[in-house]
Every structure is written in structure tokens, then in C-alpha cells.
Amino acid sequence: MEVTKENFDQVLPVIAEAIKECDFLAFDTELTGLTTRGQRITGLDSVEERYQKIRASATSFQTIQWGLCAFKWDEQSRT
């Protein structure tokens, strides 16, 4: 479902119900950029180095879109 400022009030009850009823919730963001200059992530980075690089990027750019996905576990089908 695409939510915009035009339909937000209309779909908010549906979103709230999905959040209330879900077993797992995932968020995704789209930023105005990917990495800050000189902050490339490599396979040689420690966990702390990787975190600091990702944090620097996340705080350097604006969030322009975000996604939300609500999951419900079905025990019978195990999906």
C-alpha cells in the first residue's frame, strides 16, 4: 500500500491495526545519500568500525521515504 500525505488519515487505522496484530515488524528507509566521503564499508571493518561508518552516513542524510512491513506468523503452514 502506498501512503502519501493525501491518504495518510484514511489509511492510518489500517496501519495501526496491522501493527497491533502483527508478530514481527520491519522498517526500511530511503535516504538522500548512501555513504559519506571516505566512509566506505569493507569486509575488513570491525563491528565497531562498521557501526560508526553506518551511523555517520545515517546522520548525514535526510530520510525521504520509509517503509513498514507487518508480518503475521502462521503456525500451521510455518510461514
N, C-alpha and C. Protein backbone atom coordinates (compact mmCIF):
# COMPACT_ATOMS: atom_id res chain seq x y z
N MET A 1 0.85 -1.16 0.00
CA MET A 1 0.00 0.00 0.00
C MET A 1 0.90 1.23 0.00
N GLU A 2 0.61 2.17 -0.84
CA GLU A 2 1.36 3.41 -0.86
C GLU A 2 0.63 4.44 0.00
N VAL A 3 1.37 5.03 0.93
CA VAL A 3 0.80 6.03 1.82
C VAL A 3 1.43 7.37 1.50
N THR A 4 0.61 8.35 1.27
CA THR A 4 1.07 9.70 0.98
C THR A 4 0.42 10.67 1.95
N LYS A 5 0.83 11.93 1.88
CA LYS A 5 0.19 12.90 2.77
C LYS A 5 -1.28 13.09 2.43
N GLU A 6 -1.65 12.77 1.21
CA GLU A 6 -3.06 12.90 0.80
C GLU A 6 -3.95 11.81 1.38
N ASN A 7 -3.42 10.58 1.55
CA ASN A 7 -4.28 9.50 2.04
C ASN A 7 -3.89 9.00 3.43
N PHE A 8 -2.97 9.67 4.09
CA PHE A 8 -2.48 9.22 5.39
C PHE A 8 -3.60 9.05 6.41
N ASP A 9 -4.44 10.05 6.57
CA ASP A 9 -5.53 9.97 7.55
C ASP A 9 -6.47 8.81 7.27
N GLN A 10 -6.70 8.53 6.00
CA GLN A 10 -7.61 7.46 5.60
C GLN A 10 -7.03 6.08 5.91
N VAL A 11 -5.73 5.88 5.67
CA VAL A 11 -5.13 4.55 5.84
C VAL A 11 -4.53 4.33 7.23
N LEU A 12 -4.42 5.38 8.04
CA LEU A 12 -3.83 5.22 9.37
C LEU A 12 -4.51 4.14 10.21
N PRO A 13 -5.84 4.03 10.23
CA PRO A 13 -6.45 2.94 11.02
C PRO A 13 -6.02 1.55 10.54
N VAL A 14 -5.85 1.38 9.25
CA VAL A 14 -5.40 0.09 8.70
C VAL A 14 -3.98 -0.20 9.17
N ILE A 15 -3.12 0.81 9.12
CA ILE A 15 -1.72 0.65 9.56
C ILE A 15 -1.67 0.33 11.05
N ALA A 16 -2.43 1.06 11.84
CA ALA A 16 -2.45 0.83 13.28
C ALA A 16 -2.91 -0.58 13.61
N GLU A 17 -3.92 -1.07 12.93
CA GLU A 17 -4.41 -2.43 13.15
C GLU A 17 -3.37 -3.46 12.75
N ALA A 18 -2.68 -3.24 11.63
CA ALA A 18 -1.64 -4.17 11.19
C ALA A 18 -0.51 -4.25 12.21
N ILE A 19 -0.14 -3.10 12.78
CA ILE A 19 0.91 -3.08 13.80
C ILE A 19 0.43 -3.80 15.06
N LYS A 20 -0.79 -3.56 15.45
CA LYS A 20 -1.35 -4.18 16.66
C LYS A 20 -1.42 -5.70 16.54
N GLU A 21 -1.74 -6.18 15.35
CA GLU A 21 -1.96 -7.62 15.14
C GLU A 21 -0.72 -8.39 14.69
N CYS A 22 0.36 -7.72 14.33
CA CYS A 22 1.50 -8.43 13.74
C CYS A 22 2.35 -9.13 14.80
N ASP A 23 3.13 -10.10 14.33
CA ASP A 23 4.08 -10.81 15.18
C ASP A 23 5.48 -10.24 15.03
N PHE A 24 5.75 -9.60 13.91
CA PHE A 24 7.08 -9.06 13.61
C PHE A 24 6.90 -7.83 12.74
N LEU A 25 7.68 -6.80 13.01
CA LEU A 25 7.58 -5.54 12.28
C LEU A 25 8.95 -5.17 11.75
N ALA A 26 9.03 -4.80 10.47
CA ALA A 26 10.30 -4.40 9.86
C ALA A 26 10.17 -3.00 9.28
N PHE A 27 11.24 -2.22 9.43
CA PHE A 27 11.30 -0.87 8.87
C PHE A 27 12.41 -0.80 7.83
N ASP A 28 12.22 0.07 6.86
CA ASP A 28 13.22 0.32 5.83
C ASP A 28 13.21 1.82 5.58
N THR A 29 14.37 2.38 5.30
CA THR A 29 14.43 3.82 5.00
C THR A 29 15.15 4.06 3.68
N GLU A 30 14.76 5.12 3.02
CA GLU A 30 15.45 5.61 1.84
C GLU A 30 16.02 6.97 2.22
N LEU A 31 17.31 7.13 2.04
CA LEU A 31 17.99 8.36 2.42
C LEU A 31 18.40 9.16 1.18
N THR A 32 18.77 10.42 1.38
CA THR A 32 19.19 11.28 0.27
C THR A 32 20.59 10.96 -0.20
N GLY A 33 21.28 10.04 0.45
CA GLY A 33 22.61 9.61 0.04
C GLY A 33 22.92 8.25 0.64
N LEU A 34 24.09 7.71 0.25
CA LEU A 34 24.44 6.37 0.72
C LEU A 34 25.60 6.36 1.70
N THR A 35 26.71 6.95 1.33
CA THR A 35 27.87 6.95 2.21
C THR A 35 28.51 8.32 2.24
N THR A 36 29.11 8.64 3.36
CA THR A 36 29.83 9.90 3.45
C THR A 36 31.22 9.72 2.86
N ARG A 37 31.80 10.78 2.45
CA ARG A 37 33.13 10.74 1.81
C ARG A 37 34.14 10.04 2.72
N GLY A 38 34.85 9.07 2.18
CA GLY A 38 35.87 8.37 2.93
C GLY A 38 35.34 7.34 3.91
N GLN A 39 34.07 7.02 3.87
CA GLN A 39 33.48 6.11 4.84
C GLN A 39 33.03 4.80 4.20
N ARG A 40 33.72 4.31 3.22
CA ARG A 40 33.32 3.06 2.57
C ARG A 40 33.43 1.89 3.53
N ILE A 41 32.43 1.05 3.51
CA ILE A 41 32.41 -0.14 4.36
C ILE A 41 33.12 -1.27 3.62
N THR A 42 34.02 -1.94 4.32
CA THR A 42 34.75 -3.05 3.71
C THR A 42 34.58 -4.30 4.56
N GLY A 43 34.94 -5.43 4.01
CA GLY A 43 34.89 -6.69 4.74
C GLY A 43 35.94 -6.77 5.84
N LEU A 44 36.86 -5.81 5.86
CA LEU A 44 37.92 -5.81 6.87
C LEU A 44 37.54 -4.97 8.10
N ASP A 45 36.42 -4.28 8.03
CA ASP A 45 35.99 -3.45 9.15
C ASP A 45 35.60 -4.31 10.35
N SER A 46 35.92 -3.82 11.54
CA SER A 46 35.42 -4.47 12.75
C SER A 46 33.94 -4.11 12.88
N VAL A 47 33.25 -4.78 13.79
CA VAL A 47 31.84 -4.48 14.02
C VAL A 47 31.70 -3.01 14.43
N GLU A 48 32.57 -2.53 15.30
CA GLU A 48 32.51 -1.14 15.76
C GLU A 48 32.78 -0.16 14.61
N GLU A 49 33.77 -0.46 13.77
CA GLU A 49 34.07 0.41 12.62
C GLU A 49 32.88 0.46 11.67
N ARG A 50 32.30 -0.68 11.39
CA ARG A 50 31.14 -0.74 10.50
C ARG A 50 29.97 0.07 11.08
N TYR A 51 29.72 -0.11 12.38
CA TYR A 51 28.64 0.64 13.03
C TYR A 51 28.88 2.15 12.92
N GLN A 52 30.11 2.60 13.20
CA GLN A 52 30.41 4.03 13.17
C GLN A 52 30.26 4.60 11.76
N LYS A 53 30.64 3.84 10.74
CA LYS A 53 30.50 4.30 9.35
C LYS A 53 29.02 4.39 8.96
N ILE A 54 28.26 3.38 9.32
CA ILE A 54 26.83 3.39 9.01
C ILE A 54 26.14 4.52 9.77
N ARG A 55 26.52 4.70 11.02
CA ARG A 55 25.93 5.77 11.83
C ARG A 55 26.24 7.14 11.22
N ALA A 56 27.49 7.34 10.78
CA ALA A 56 27.87 8.62 10.17
C ALA A 56 27.05 8.87 8.91
N SER A 57 26.85 7.86 8.11
CA SER A 57 26.04 8.01 6.90
C SER A 57 24.59 8.32 7.25
N ALA A 58 24.04 7.57 8.20
CA ALA A 58 22.63 7.74 8.57
C ALA A 58 22.36 9.13 9.13
N THR A 59 23.31 9.70 9.84
CA THR A 59 23.10 11.02 10.43
C THR A 59 23.48 12.15 9.48
N SER A 60 24.07 11.82 8.33
CA SER A 60 24.49 12.84 7.37
C SER A 60 23.44 13.12 6.30
N PHE A 61 22.48 12.23 6.16
CA PHE A 61 21.49 12.36 5.10
C PHE A 61 20.08 12.41 5.68
N GLN A 62 19.17 12.94 4.91
CA GLN A 62 17.77 13.01 5.34
C GLN A 62 17.01 11.76 4.89
N THR A 63 16.07 11.35 5.70
CA THR A 63 15.17 10.27 5.31
C THR A 63 14.09 10.87 4.42
N ILE A 64 13.97 10.34 3.20
CA ILE A 64 12.98 10.87 2.26
C ILE A 64 11.79 9.92 2.09
N GLN A 65 11.97 8.68 2.53
CA GLN A 65 10.89 7.70 2.43
C GLN A 65 11.19 6.60 3.41
N TRP A 66 10.15 6.03 3.97
CA TRP A 66 10.37 4.86 4.81
C TRP A 66 9.28 3.84 4.56
N GLY A 67 9.65 2.62 4.80
CA GLY A 67 8.72 1.52 4.58
C GLY A 67 8.47 0.78 5.87
N LEU A 68 7.33 0.16 5.93
CA LEU A 68 6.92 -0.60 7.10
C LEU A 68 6.28 -1.89 6.61
N CYS A 69 6.69 -3.00 7.18
CA CYS A 69 6.11 -4.27 6.80
C CYS A 69 5.74 -5.04 8.07
N ALA A 70 4.48 -5.38 8.18
CA ALA A 70 3.98 -6.12 9.34
C ALA A 70 3.79 -7.58 8.95
N PHE A 71 4.40 -8.48 9.71
CA PHE A 71 4.33 -9.91 9.42
C PHE A 71 3.49 -10.62 10.46
N LYS A 72 2.75 -11.60 10.01
CA LYS A 72 1.96 -12.44 10.90
C LYS A 72 2.39 -13.88 10.68
N TRP A 73 2.78 -14.58 11.75
CA TRP A 73 3.23 -15.96 11.67
C TRP A 73 2.05 -16.91 11.62
N ASP A 74 2.09 -17.84 10.66
CA ASP A 74 1.05 -18.86 10.54
C ASP A 74 1.67 -20.18 11.00
N GLU A 75 1.33 -20.61 12.19
CA GLU A 75 1.92 -21.81 12.77
C GLU A 75 1.63 -23.06 11.95
N GLN A 76 0.45 -23.14 11.35
CA GLN A 76 0.08 -24.32 10.57
C GLN A 76 0.97 -24.50 9.34
N SER A 77 1.17 -23.43 8.59
CA SER A 77 2.00 -23.55 7.38
C SER A 77 3.46 -23.22 7.66
N ARG A 78 3.74 -22.74 8.89
CA ARG A 78 5.09 -22.36 9.32
C ARG A 78 5.69 -21.29 8.40
N THR A 79 4.84 -20.34 8.00
CA THR A 79 5.30 -19.23 7.17
C THR A 79 4.83 -17.92 7.76
